[in-house]
Amino acid sequence: MTAASEESLQESADRVAQLTAEIDRQRSSHTQRSVAMNTRAALLISAAGIFAALGGASKKSWLDLPLYVLLVVAAALGLWALWPRTGPELRVGALRDDLNDLGNEQMALHLLDHKLLVHDHDEKSLRRIGKGVTIGFAVLAIAVGVVAARAFF
């Protein structure tokens, strides 16, 4: 191997390492946001349950049915947000079998491509879940308005 080709390989390996470090940083950020979203979803479920329990302890009203429907919808959205993620995962066994056929750089590129695929899928999923939790809190806010209206009807 010539010095120029070794230098080119080293530059390529450095770029792959930089890209891998960046996707790892983004994955770490995604994990933190995902944990925060799970916390919000759990709070949504808890708040809906608390309002349902408090609503049952007060006087009966014709607004009870809409209130409980809203609370069930809010809790269901929170539960949906906590549902385990499904999507592409790295098949380590198959990768191990291909290890003999791939060089170090090709292996690093293959892993990077797969990390990007999983990251893109997870980001789309997290945005969808975020919208669901936001809608859940909006429904919960409407339910709070219904609880306040029950005081007058």
N, C-alpha and C. Protein backbone atom coordinates (compact mmCIF):
# COMPACT_ATOMS: atom_id res chain seq x y z
N MET A 1 0.84 -1.17 0.00
CA MET A 1 0.00 0.00 0.00
C MET A 1 0.89 1.24 0.00
N THR A 2 0.51 2.21 -0.77
CA THR A 2 1.30 3.44 -0.84
C THR A 2 0.93 4.35 0.32
N ALA A 3 1.78 5.31 0.56
CA ALA A 3 1.53 6.26 1.65
C ALA A 3 0.27 7.07 1.38
N ALA A 4 0.02 7.39 0.10
CA ALA A 4 -1.17 8.17 -0.25
C ALA A 4 -2.45 7.37 0.01
N SER A 5 -2.44 6.09 -0.33
CA SER A 5 -3.64 5.28 -0.10
C SER A 5 -3.86 5.04 1.39
N GLU A 6 -2.79 4.87 2.15
CA GLU A 6 -2.93 4.72 3.61
C GLU A 6 -3.48 6.00 4.22
N GLU A 7 -3.04 7.16 3.73
CA GLU A 7 -3.53 8.44 4.23
C GLU A 7 -5.01 8.61 3.88
N SER A 8 -5.38 8.19 2.66
CA SER A 8 -6.77 8.27 2.24
C SER A 8 -7.65 7.37 3.10
N LEU A 9 -7.18 6.15 3.40
CA LEU A 9 -7.92 5.25 4.26
C LEU A 9 -8.07 5.82 5.67
N GLN A 10 -7.02 6.46 6.17
CA GLN A 10 -7.07 7.05 7.51
C GLN A 10 -8.06 8.21 7.55
N GLU A 11 -8.07 9.04 6.49
CA GLU A 11 -9.02 10.15 6.43
C GLU A 11 -10.46 9.61 6.38
N SER A 12 -10.67 8.57 5.61
CA SER A 12 -11.99 7.97 5.52
C SER A 12 -12.41 7.40 6.87
N ALA A 13 -11.50 6.71 7.54
CA ALA A 13 -11.79 6.16 8.86
C ALA A 13 -12.10 7.27 9.87
N ASP A 14 -11.38 8.38 9.75
CA ASP A 14 -11.62 9.52 10.65
C ASP A 14 -13.02 10.10 10.42
N ARG A 15 -13.42 10.20 9.14
CA ARG A 15 -14.76 10.74 8.84
C ARG A 15 -15.84 9.81 9.38
N VAL A 16 -15.65 8.51 9.22
CA VAL A 16 -16.61 7.55 9.74
C VAL A 16 -16.69 7.66 11.26
N ALA A 17 -15.53 7.82 11.90
CA ALA A 17 -15.50 7.96 13.36
C ALA A 17 -16.23 9.22 13.81
N GLN A 18 -16.05 10.32 13.08
CA GLN A 18 -16.73 11.57 13.42
C GLN A 18 -18.25 11.43 13.25
N LEU A 19 -18.66 10.82 12.14
CA LEU A 19 -20.08 10.60 11.91
C LEU A 19 -20.67 9.68 12.98
N THR A 20 -19.95 8.65 13.34
CA THR A 20 -20.42 7.73 14.37
C THR A 20 -20.55 8.44 15.71
N ALA A 21 -19.58 9.29 16.04
CA ALA A 21 -19.64 10.04 17.30
C ALA A 21 -20.86 10.97 17.30
N GLU A 22 -21.16 11.60 16.17
CA GLU A 22 -22.31 12.51 16.10
C GLU A 22 -23.62 11.75 16.22
N ILE A 23 -23.74 10.62 15.54
CA ILE A 23 -24.99 9.86 15.65
C ILE A 23 -25.14 9.31 17.06
N ASP A 24 -24.04 8.94 17.71
CA ASP A 24 -24.11 8.48 19.10
C ASP A 24 -24.58 9.61 20.02
N ARG A 25 -24.12 10.84 19.74
CA ARG A 25 -24.56 12.00 20.53
C ARG A 25 -26.05 12.23 20.32
N GLN A 26 -26.50 12.13 19.07
CA GLN A 26 -27.92 12.32 18.78
C GLN A 26 -28.76 11.21 19.40
N ARG A 27 -28.26 9.98 19.40
CA ARG A 27 -28.98 8.88 20.03
C ARG A 27 -29.12 9.12 21.54
N SER A 28 -28.05 9.64 22.14
CA SER A 28 -28.11 9.95 23.58
C SER A 28 -29.16 11.03 23.85
N SER A 29 -29.19 12.05 23.03
CA SER A 29 -30.19 13.11 23.17
C SER A 29 -31.59 12.54 22.96
N HIS A 30 -31.75 11.67 21.99
CA HIS A 30 -33.04 11.04 21.74
C HIS A 30 -33.49 10.23 22.95
N THR A 31 -32.56 9.51 23.56
CA THR A 31 -32.90 8.69 24.73
C THR A 31 -33.39 9.58 25.87
N GLN A 32 -32.73 10.71 26.09
CA GLN A 32 -33.16 11.63 27.15
C GLN A 32 -34.55 12.18 26.85
N ARG A 33 -34.80 12.56 25.60
CA ARG A 33 -36.12 13.08 25.23
C ARG A 33 -37.18 12.00 25.34
N SER A 34 -36.82 10.79 25.01
CA SER A 34 -37.77 9.68 25.11
C SER A 34 -38.15 9.41 26.56
N VAL A 35 -37.17 9.46 27.46
CA VAL A 35 -37.46 9.28 28.89
C VAL A 35 -38.38 10.41 29.38
N ALA A 36 -38.09 11.64 28.95
CA ALA A 36 -38.93 12.77 29.34
C ALA A 36 -40.36 12.60 28.80
N MET A 37 -40.49 12.09 27.59
CA MET A 37 -41.82 11.88 27.01
C MET A 37 -42.57 10.79 27.79
N ASN A 38 -41.86 9.75 28.20
CA ASN A 38 -42.50 8.70 29.00
C ASN A 38 -42.98 9.26 30.33
N THR A 39 -42.19 10.16 30.92
CA THR A 39 -42.60 10.80 32.18
C THR A 39 -43.87 11.62 31.96
N ARG A 40 -43.91 12.38 30.87
CA ARG A 40 -45.11 13.18 30.57
C ARG A 40 -46.33 12.28 30.37
N ALA A 41 -46.12 11.17 29.66
CA ALA A 41 -47.24 10.25 29.42
C ALA A 41 -47.74 9.66 30.74
N ALA A 42 -46.82 9.32 31.64
CA ALA A 42 -47.22 8.78 32.94
C ALA A 42 -47.98 9.83 33.75
N LEU A 43 -47.54 11.09 33.67
CA LEU A 43 -48.25 12.17 34.36
C LEU A 43 -49.64 12.36 33.77
N LEU A 44 -49.76 12.22 32.48
CA LEU A 44 -51.06 12.35 31.82
C LEU A 44 -52.02 11.27 32.32
N ILE A 45 -51.54 10.04 32.38
CA ILE A 45 -52.37 8.94 32.87
C ILE A 45 -52.76 9.18 34.33
N SER A 46 -51.79 9.60 35.14
CA SER A 46 -52.06 9.84 36.57
C SER A 46 -53.06 10.97 36.76
N ALA A 47 -52.87 12.05 36.04
CA ALA A 47 -53.79 13.19 36.18
C ALA A 47 -55.21 12.80 35.76
N ALA A 48 -55.33 12.04 34.69
CA ALA A 48 -56.65 11.61 34.25
C ALA A 48 -57.30 10.72 35.31
N GLY A 49 -56.52 9.86 35.92
CA GLY A 49 -57.05 9.00 36.98
C GLY A 49 -57.47 9.78 38.20
N ILE A 50 -56.67 10.78 38.56
CA ILE A 50 -57.00 11.60 39.73
C ILE A 50 -58.30 12.38 39.48
N PHE A 51 -58.42 12.98 38.29
CA PHE A 51 -59.65 13.72 37.98
C PHE A 51 -60.85 12.78 37.95
N ALA A 52 -60.66 11.57 37.44
CA ALA A 52 -61.78 10.62 37.42
C ALA A 52 -62.20 10.26 38.84
N ALA A 53 -61.24 10.06 39.72
CA ALA A 53 -61.56 9.72 41.11
C ALA A 53 -62.24 10.90 41.81
N LEU A 54 -61.74 12.09 41.58
CA LEU A 54 -62.35 13.27 42.21
C LEU A 54 -63.74 13.54 41.64
N GLY A 55 -63.91 13.28 40.35
CA GLY A 55 -65.22 13.50 39.73
C GLY A 55 -66.28 12.57 40.30
N GLY A 56 -65.89 11.36 40.65
CA GLY A 56 -66.84 10.41 41.21
C GLY A 56 -67.26 10.76 42.62
N ALA A 57 -66.43 11.56 43.31
CA ALA A 57 -66.73 11.91 44.70
C ALA A 57 -67.66 13.12 44.82
N SER A 58 -67.85 13.85 43.74
CA SER A 58 -68.69 15.04 43.82
C SER A 58 -70.11 14.73 43.35
N LYS A 59 -70.94 15.77 43.35
CA LYS A 59 -72.35 15.58 42.98
C LYS A 59 -72.46 15.11 41.53
N LYS A 60 -73.54 14.41 41.26
CA LYS A 60 -73.78 13.88 39.92
C LYS A 60 -74.31 14.99 39.01
N SER A 61 -73.91 14.92 37.74
CA SER A 61 -74.30 15.95 36.78
C SER A 61 -74.44 15.31 35.41
N TRP A 62 -75.15 15.99 34.52
CA TRP A 62 -75.27 15.51 33.15
C TRP A 62 -73.94 15.63 32.43
N LEU A 63 -72.98 16.36 33.00
CA LEU A 63 -71.66 16.51 32.41
C LEU A 63 -70.71 15.36 32.76
N ASP A 64 -71.20 14.41 33.56
CA ASP A 64 -70.34 13.29 33.95
C ASP A 64 -69.89 12.46 32.75
N LEU A 65 -70.81 12.14 31.86
CA LEU A 65 -70.45 11.31 30.71
C LEU A 65 -69.38 11.98 29.84
N PRO A 66 -69.57 13.24 29.42
CA PRO A 66 -68.51 13.86 28.63
C PRO A 66 -67.18 13.95 29.39
N LEU A 67 -67.26 14.20 30.70
CA LEU A 67 -66.06 14.27 31.51
C LEU A 67 -65.30 12.95 31.49
N TYR A 68 -66.01 11.87 31.73
CA TYR A 68 -65.34 10.56 31.77
C TYR A 68 -64.83 10.14 30.39
N VAL A 69 -65.55 10.50 29.35
CA VAL A 69 -65.07 10.21 28.00
C VAL A 69 -63.75 10.95 27.75
N LEU A 70 -63.71 12.22 28.10
CA LEU A 70 -62.48 13.00 27.92
C LEU A 70 -61.32 12.42 28.75
N LEU A 71 -61.62 12.01 29.97
CA LEU A 71 -60.57 11.46 30.83
C LEU A 71 -60.06 10.12 30.29
N VAL A 72 -60.96 9.32 29.77
CA VAL A 72 -60.53 8.03 29.19
C VAL A 72 -59.69 8.28 27.93
N VAL A 73 -60.08 9.24 27.12
CA VAL A 73 -59.30 9.56 25.92
C VAL A 73 -57.90 10.05 26.32
N ALA A 74 -57.82 10.94 27.32
CA ALA A 74 -56.53 11.45 27.77
C ALA A 74 -55.66 10.32 28.30
N ALA A 75 -56.23 9.45 29.12
CA ALA A 75 -55.47 8.33 29.67
C ALA A 75 -55.04 7.37 28.56
N ALA A 76 -55.91 7.13 27.59
CA ALA A 76 -55.58 6.23 26.48
C ALA A 76 -54.43 6.78 25.65
N LEU A 77 -54.41 8.09 25.43
CA LEU A 77 -53.30 8.70 24.70
C LEU A 77 -51.99 8.55 25.49
N GLY A 78 -52.07 8.71 26.79
CA GLY A 78 -50.88 8.51 27.62
C GLY A 78 -50.41 7.06 27.57
N LEU A 79 -51.34 6.15 27.62
CA LEU A 79 -51.00 4.72 27.55
C LEU A 79 -50.39 4.38 26.19
N TRP A 80 -50.96 4.92 25.13
CA TRP A 80 -50.43 4.71 23.79
C TRP A 80 -48.98 5.20 23.71
N ALA A 81 -48.70 6.35 24.33
CA ALA A 81 -47.35 6.90 24.29
C ALA A 81 -46.35 6.01 25.02
N LEU A 82 -46.81 5.27 26.00
CA LEU A 82 -45.91 4.39 26.75
C LEU A 82 -45.73 3.02 26.10
N TRP A 83 -46.52 2.74 25.07
CA TRP A 83 -46.43 1.43 24.42
C TRP A 83 -45.02 1.23 23.87
N PRO A 84 -44.46 0.04 24.01
CA PRO A 84 -43.07 -0.18 23.55
C PRO A 84 -42.89 0.09 22.06
N ARG A 85 -41.74 0.60 21.73
CA ARG A 85 -41.40 0.93 20.35
C ARG A 85 -41.13 -0.34 19.56
N THR A 86 -41.59 -0.35 18.34
CA THR A 86 -41.23 -1.43 17.42
C THR A 86 -40.58 -0.80 16.21
N GLY A 87 -39.66 -1.49 15.63
CA GLY A 87 -39.00 -0.95 14.45
C GLY A 87 -37.73 -1.72 14.15
N PRO A 88 -36.95 -1.17 13.26
CA PRO A 88 -35.75 -1.88 12.84
C PRO A 88 -34.73 -2.00 13.98
N GLU A 89 -34.13 -3.14 14.06
CA GLU A 89 -33.07 -3.40 15.04
C GLU A 89 -31.92 -4.09 14.31
N LEU A 90 -30.75 -3.93 14.84
CA LEU A 90 -29.56 -4.56 14.27
C LEU A 90 -29.60 -6.06 14.54
N ARG A 91 -29.45 -6.85 13.50
CA ARG A 91 -29.39 -8.29 13.66
C ARG A 91 -27.93 -8.69 13.85
N VAL A 92 -27.52 -8.79 15.09
CA VAL A 92 -26.12 -9.03 15.43
C VAL A 92 -25.65 -10.38 14.90
N GLY A 93 -26.50 -11.39 14.98
CA GLY A 93 -26.11 -12.71 14.49
C GLY A 93 -25.77 -12.69 13.01
N ALA A 94 -26.62 -12.04 12.21
CA ALA A 94 -26.36 -11.94 10.78
C ALA A 94 -25.11 -11.10 10.52
N LEU A 95 -24.93 -10.06 11.30
CA LEU A 95 -23.76 -9.21 11.14
C LEU A 95 -22.49 -9.97 11.48
N ARG A 96 -22.56 -10.80 12.51
CA ARG A 96 -21.40 -11.60 12.89
C ARG A 96 -21.01 -12.53 11.76
N ASP A 97 -22.01 -13.11 11.09
CA ASP A 97 -21.73 -14.00 9.97
C ASP A 97 -21.08 -13.25 8.81
N ASP A 98 -21.46 -11.99 8.62
CA ASP A 98 -20.89 -11.18 7.54
C ASP A 98 -19.55 -10.58 7.91
N LEU A 99 -19.16 -10.67 9.16
CA LEU A 99 -17.94 -10.02 9.64
C LEU A 99 -16.72 -10.46 8.85
N ASN A 100 -16.67 -11.73 8.50
CA ASN A 100 -15.52 -12.24 7.77
C ASN A 100 -15.42 -11.65 6.37
N ASP A 101 -16.57 -11.27 5.80
CA ASP A 101 -16.59 -10.74 4.44
C ASP A 101 -16.34 -9.25 4.37
N LEU A 102 -16.51 -8.54 5.48
CA LEU A 102 -16.38 -7.08 5.49
C LEU A 102 -15.06 -6.67 6.13
N GLY A 103 -14.47 -5.64 5.59
CA GLY A 103 -13.31 -5.04 6.23
C GLY A 103 -13.75 -4.12 7.34
N ASN A 104 -12.79 -3.58 8.06
CA ASN A 104 -13.12 -2.69 9.18
C ASN A 104 -13.92 -1.47 8.74
N GLU A 105 -13.51 -0.86 7.64
CA GLU A 105 -14.20 0.35 7.19
C GLU A 105 -15.62 0.03 6.72
N GLN A 106 -15.79 -1.07 5.98
CA GLN A 106 -17.12 -1.45 5.53
C GLN A 106 -18.01 -1.80 6.72
N MET A 107 -17.44 -2.45 7.72
CA MET A 107 -18.21 -2.78 8.92
C MET A 107 -18.66 -1.51 9.63
N ALA A 108 -17.73 -0.56 9.78
CA ALA A 108 -18.08 0.71 10.44
C ALA A 108 -19.16 1.44 9.65
N LEU A 109 -19.06 1.46 8.32
CA LEU A 109 -20.08 2.11 7.50
C LEU A 109 -21.43 1.40 7.61
N HIS A 110 -21.39 0.08 7.63
CA HIS A 110 -22.62 -0.70 7.77
C HIS A 110 -23.30 -0.38 9.11
N LEU A 111 -22.53 -0.36 10.18
CA LEU A 111 -23.08 -0.03 11.49
C LEU A 111 -23.62 1.39 11.52
N LEU A 112 -22.90 2.33 10.92
CA LEU A 112 -23.34 3.71 10.87
C LEU A 112 -24.65 3.83 10.10
N ASP A 113 -24.74 3.17 8.95
CA ASP A 113 -25.98 3.20 8.17
C ASP A 113 -27.15 2.66 8.98
N HIS A 114 -26.91 1.58 9.69
CA HIS A 114 -28.00 1.00 10.48
C HIS A 114 -28.38 1.91 11.65
N LYS A 115 -27.39 2.52 12.30
CA LYS A 115 -27.70 3.46 13.38
C LYS A 115 -28.55 4.61 12.85
N LEU A 116 -28.21 5.10 11.66
CA LEU A 116 -28.99 6.18 11.07
C LEU A 116 -30.42 5.75 10.76
N LEU A 117 -30.57 4.54 10.25
CA LEU A 117 -31.91 4.01 9.96
C LEU A 117 -32.75 3.93 11.23
N VAL A 118 -32.18 3.36 12.28
CA VAL A 118 -32.89 3.22 13.56
C VAL A 118 -33.19 4.59 14.15
N HIS A 119 -32.20 5.49 14.08
CA HIS A 119 -32.38 6.84 14.64
C HIS A 119 -33.51 7.58 13.92
N ASP A 120 -33.52 7.52 12.59
CA ASP A 120 -34.59 8.20 11.84
C ASP A 120 -35.96 7.63 12.21
N HIS A 121 -36.05 6.32 12.31
CA HIS A 121 -37.32 5.69 12.69
C HIS A 121 -37.73 6.14 14.09
N ASP A 122 -36.79 6.14 15.02
CA ASP A 122 -37.10 6.52 16.40
C ASP A 122 -37.49 7.99 16.51
N GLU A 123 -36.85 8.85 15.73
CA GLU A 123 -37.19 10.27 15.76
C GLU A 123 -38.62 10.50 15.26
N LYS A 124 -38.98 9.82 14.17
CA LYS A 124 -40.35 9.94 13.66
C LYS A 124 -41.35 9.43 14.69
N SER A 125 -41.01 8.33 15.32
CA SER A 125 -41.88 7.76 16.35
C SER A 125 -42.02 8.71 17.53
N LEU A 126 -40.92 9.30 17.97
CA LEU A 126 -40.96 10.23 19.11
C LEU A 126 -41.78 11.47 18.79
N ARG A 127 -41.66 11.98 17.57
CA ARG A 127 -42.48 13.15 17.18
C ARG A 127 -43.96 12.79 17.18
N ARG A 128 -44.30 11.60 16.68
CA ARG A 128 -45.69 11.15 16.68
C ARG A 128 -46.22 10.99 18.10
N ILE A 129 -45.39 10.41 18.97
CA ILE A 129 -45.79 10.24 20.36
C ILE A 129 -45.94 11.60 21.04
N GLY A 130 -45.04 12.53 20.74
CA GLY A 130 -45.13 13.88 21.30
C GLY A 130 -46.43 14.56 20.93
N LYS A 131 -46.86 14.38 19.68
CA LYS A 131 -48.14 14.96 19.26
C LYS A 131 -49.29 14.31 20.02
N GLY A 132 -49.22 13.00 20.21
CA GLY A 132 -50.27 12.30 20.95
C GLY A 132 -50.36 12.76 22.39
N VAL A 133 -49.21 12.95 23.04
CA VAL A 133 -49.20 13.41 24.43
C VAL A 133 -49.71 14.84 24.51
N THR A 134 -49.33 15.66 23.56
CA THR A 134 -49.82 17.05 23.54
C THR A 134 -51.34 17.08 23.38
N ILE A 135 -51.86 16.26 22.49
CA ILE A 135 -53.31 16.17 22.33
C ILE A 135 -53.94 15.66 23.62
N GLY A 136 -53.29 14.69 24.26
CA GLY A 136 -53.80 14.16 25.53
C GLY A 136 -53.91 15.24 26.60
N PHE A 137 -52.88 16.08 26.69
CA PHE A 137 -52.95 17.17 27.68
C PHE A 137 -54.00 18.21 27.30
N ALA A 138 -54.20 18.43 26.01
CA ALA A 138 -55.27 19.35 25.59
C ALA A 138 -56.63 18.79 25.97
N VAL A 139 -56.81 17.49 25.76
CA VAL A 139 -58.07 16.84 26.16
C VAL A 139 -58.24 16.92 27.67
N LEU A 140 -57.15 16.73 28.40
CA LEU A 140 -57.20 16.83 29.86
C LEU A 140 -57.58 18.26 30.29
N ALA A 141 -57.07 19.26 29.59
CA ALA A 141 -57.41 20.64 29.91
C ALA A 141 -58.91 20.90 29.66
N ILE A 142 -59.44 20.32 28.61
CA ILE A 142 -60.87 20.45 28.35
C ILE A 142 -61.66 19.76 29.47
N ALA A 143 -61.15 18.61 29.92
CA ALA A 143 -61.81 17.90 31.02
C ALA A 143 -61.81 18.74 32.29
N VAL A 144 -60.72 19.48 32.52
CA VAL A 144 -60.68 20.37 33.69
C VAL A 144 -61.76 21.44 33.55
N GLY A 145 -61.94 21.94 32.33
CA GLY A 145 -63.02 22.91 32.09
C GLY A 145 -64.39 22.31 32.37
N VAL A 146 -64.56 21.04 32.01
CA VAL A 146 -65.84 20.37 32.27
C VAL A 146 -66.04 20.20 33.78
N VAL A 147 -64.96 19.88 34.51
CA VAL A 147 -65.05 19.77 35.98
C VAL A 147 -65.48 21.12 36.56
N ALA A 148 -64.91 22.20 36.05
CA ALA A 148 -65.29 23.52 36.55
C ALA A 148 -66.74 23.83 36.19
N ALA A 149 -67.15 23.43 34.99
CA ALA A 149 -68.55 23.69 34.59
C ALA A 149 -69.53 22.90 35.43
N ARG A 150 -69.11 21.73 35.92
CA ARG A 150 -70.00 20.90 36.74
C ARG A 150 -70.41 21.64 38.02
N ALA A 151 -69.59 22.55 38.47
CA ALA A 151 -69.93 23.30 39.68
C ALA A 151 -71.16 24.17 39.48
N PHE A 152 -71.42 24.55 38.21
CA PHE A 152 -72.54 25.43 37.93
C PHE A 152 -73.76 24.71 37.38
N PHE A 153 -73.62 23.45 37.01
CA PHE A 153 -74.76 22.73 36.41
C PHE A 153 -75.11 21.52 37.22
